Amino acid sequence: MHPLRSKAEEKFAKIKQQQEAALNERQKAARAEAEKTARLRGLRLAKEAADKIAAEQEAAAKAAAKKTKPPAKARAASSEKPSAVSS
């Protein structure tokens, strides 16, 4: 084998190995980013679901409280004491 050809093949092999290593590193970084994104998305969705449940419970509590309170006029009338009228 010719020494220049051998040297060129070695250089080519080294470059190819570096490219493969760089590709593997990029793929590893992309996987880590995708996993991080999936984890954060799951946390966001869980928080949104919890917030929705809390809002529904708060709305139900307000509705229940509103139903148990008498109307404002009825409260005012019941709190007024009839004056003693003597005839």
C-alpha atoms as a PDB file:
ATOM      1  CA  MET A   1       0.000   0.000   0.000  1.00  0.00           C
ATOM      2  CA  HIS A   2       1.186   3.477  -0.791  1.00  0.00           C
ATOM      3  CA  PRO A   3       2.204   5.564   2.256  1.00  0.00           C
ATOM      4  CA  LEU A   4       0.174   8.616   1.137  1.00  0.00           C
ATOM      5  CA  ARG A   5      -2.923   6.522   0.611  1.00  0.00           C
ATOM      6  CA  SER A   6      -2.485   4.903   4.019  1.00  0.00           C
ATOM      7  CA  LYS A   7      -2.067   8.324   5.630  1.00  0.00           C
ATOM      8  CA  ALA A   8      -5.159   9.640   3.833  1.00  0.00           C
ATOM      9  CA  GLU A   9      -7.220   6.637   4.942  1.00  0.00           C
ATOM     10  CA  GLU A  10      -6.107   7.144   8.533  1.00  0.00           C
ATOM     11  CA  LYS A  11      -7.051  10.814   8.354  1.00  0.00           C
ATOM     12  CA  PHE A  12     -10.411   9.927   6.788  1.00  0.00           C
ATOM     13  CA  ALA A  13     -11.087   7.334   9.511  1.00  0.00           C
ATOM     14  CA  LYS A  14     -10.206   9.844  12.220  1.00  0.00           C
ATOM     15  CA  ILE A  15     -12.510  12.493  10.723  1.00  0.00           C
ATOM     16  CA  LYS A  16     -15.305   9.959  10.355  1.00  0.00           C
ATOM     17  CA  GLN A  17     -14.894   8.913  13.991  1.00  0.00           C
ATOM     18  CA  GLN A  18     -15.031  12.559  15.121  1.00  0.00           C
ATOM     19  CA  GLN A  19     -18.176  13.131  13.079  1.00  0.00           C
ATOM     20  CA  GLU A  20     -19.841  10.061  14.576  1.00  0.00           C
ATOM     21  CA  ALA A  21     -18.889  11.197  18.072  1.00  0.00           C
ATOM     22  CA  ALA A  22     -20.305  14.670  17.392  1.00  0.00           C
ATOM     23  CA  LEU A  23     -23.498  13.133  15.972  1.00  0.00           C
ATOM     24  CA  ASN A  24     -23.872  10.911  19.036  1.00  0.00           C
ATOM     25  CA  GLU A  25     -23.377  13.932  21.291  1.00  0.00           C
ATOM     26  CA  ARG A  26     -26.045  15.932  19.409  1.00  0.00           C
ATOM     27  CA  GLN A  27     -28.447  12.995  19.586  1.00  0.00           C
ATOM     28  CA  LYS A  28     -27.792  12.625  23.305  1.00  0.00           C
ATOM     29  CA  ALA A  29     -28.466  16.341  23.836  1.00  0.00           C
ATOM     30  CA  ALA A  30     -31.649  16.146  21.737  1.00  0.00           C
ATOM     31  CA  ARG A  31     -32.889  13.162  23.782  1.00  0.00           C
ATOM     32  CA  ALA A  32     -32.177  14.987  27.034  1.00  0.00           C
ATOM     33  CA  GLU A  33     -34.025  18.057  25.762  1.00  0.00           C
ATOM     34  CA  ALA A  34     -37.017  15.945  24.671  1.00  0.00           C
ATOM     35  CA  GLU A  35     -37.130  14.194  28.063  1.00  0.00           C
ATOM     36  CA  LYS A  36     -36.937  17.535  29.875  1.00  0.00           C
ATOM     37  CA  THR A  37     -39.705  18.968  27.700  1.00  0.00           C
ATOM     38  CA  ALA A  38     -41.907  15.921  28.297  1.00  0.00           C
ATOM     39  CA  ARG A  39     -41.339  16.141  32.057  1.00  0.00           C
ATOM     40  CA  LEU A  40     -42.133  19.845  32.176  1.00  0.00           C
ATOM     41  CA  ARG A  41     -45.215  19.355  29.988  1.00  0.00           C
ATOM     42  CA  GLY A  42     -46.454  16.651  32.359  1.00  0.00           C
ATOM     43  CA  LEU A  43     -45.938  18.946  35.338  1.00  0.00           C
ATOM     44  CA  ARG A  44     -47.747  21.797  33.574  1.00  0.00           C
ATOM     45  CA  LEU A  45     -50.699  19.580  32.646  1.00  0.00           C
ATOM     46  CA  ALA A  46     -50.932  18.245  36.197  1.00  0.00           C
ATOM     47  CA  LYS A  47     -50.896  21.786  37.594  1.00  0.00           C
ATOM     48  CA  GLU A  48     -53.562  22.921  35.128  1.00  0.00           C
ATOM     49  CA  ALA A  49     -55.759  19.963  36.103  1.00  0.00           C
ATOM     50  CA  ALA A  50     -55.299  20.715  39.813  1.00  0.00           C
ATOM     51  CA  ASP A  51     -56.075  24.402  39.228  1.00  0.00           C
ATOM     52  CA  LYS A  52     -59.213  23.475  37.291  1.00  0.00           C
ATOM     53  CA  ILE A  53     -60.416  21.187  40.083  1.00  0.00           C
ATOM     54  CA  ALA A  54     -59.705  23.877  42.682  1.00  0.00           C
ATOM     55  CA  ALA A  55     -61.601  26.476  40.633  1.00  0.00           C
ATOM     56  CA  GLU A  56     -64.572  24.112  40.247  1.00  0.00           C
ATOM     57  CA  GLN A  57     -64.604  23.414  43.977  1.00  0.00           C
ATOM     58  CA  GLU A  58     -64.406  27.130  44.745  1.00  0.00           C
ATOM     59  CA  ALA A  59     -67.249  27.865  42.337  1.00  0.00           C
ATOM     60  CA  ALA A  60     -69.348  25.095  43.897  1.00  0.00           C
ATOM     61  CA  ALA A  61     -68.631  26.449  47.377  1.00  0.00           C
ATOM     62  CA  LYS A  62     -69.637  29.957  46.311  1.00  0.00           C
ATOM     63  CA  ALA A  63     -72.807  28.636  44.701  1.00  0.00           C
ATOM     64  CA  ALA A  64     -73.674  26.672  47.837  1.00  0.00           C
ATOM     65  CA  ALA A  65     -73.004  29.707  50.029  1.00  0.00           C
ATOM     66  CA  LYS A  66     -75.139  31.868  47.773  1.00  0.00           C
ATOM     67  CA  LYS A  67     -78.041  29.408  47.991  1.00  0.00           C
ATOM     68  CA  THR A  68     -77.946  29.289  51.780  1.00  0.00           C
ATOM     69  CA  LYS A  69     -77.947  33.071  52.227  1.00  0.00           C
ATOM     70  CA  PRO A  70     -81.364  34.701  52.147  1.00  0.00           C
ATOM     71  CA  PRO A  71     -81.794  37.548  49.677  1.00  0.00           C
ATOM     72  CA  ALA A  72     -80.621  40.978  50.828  1.00  0.00           C
ATOM     73  CA  LYS A  73     -84.163  42.374  51.268  1.00  0.00           C
ATOM     74  CA  ALA A  74     -85.192  39.386  53.346  1.00  0.00           C
ATOM     75  CA  ARG A  75     -82.142  39.781  55.565  1.00  0.00           C
ATOM     76  CA  ALA A  76     -82.839  43.482  56.043  1.00  0.00           C
ATOM     77  CA  ALA A  77     -86.489  42.848  56.845  1.00  0.00           C
ATOM     78  CA  SER A  78     -85.706  40.103  59.337  1.00  0.00           C
ATOM     79  CA  SER A  79     -83.101  42.177  61.100  1.00  0.00           C
ATOM     80  CA  GLU A  80     -85.447  45.112  61.602  1.00  0.00           C
ATOM     81  CA  LYS A  81     -87.302  44.958  64.867  1.00  0.00           C
ATOM     82  CA  PRO A  82     -90.904  45.943  64.739  1.00  0.00           C
ATOM     83  CA  SER A  83     -91.513  49.063  66.759  1.00  0.00           C
ATOM     84  CA  ALA A  84     -93.935  48.788  69.585  1.00  0.00           C
ATOM     85  CA  VAL A  85     -97.069  50.597  68.580  1.00  0.00           C
ATOM     86  CA  SER A  86     -99.377  51.261  71.453  1.00  0.00           C
ATOM     87  CA  SER A  87    -102.955  52.132  70.725  1.00  0.00           C
END
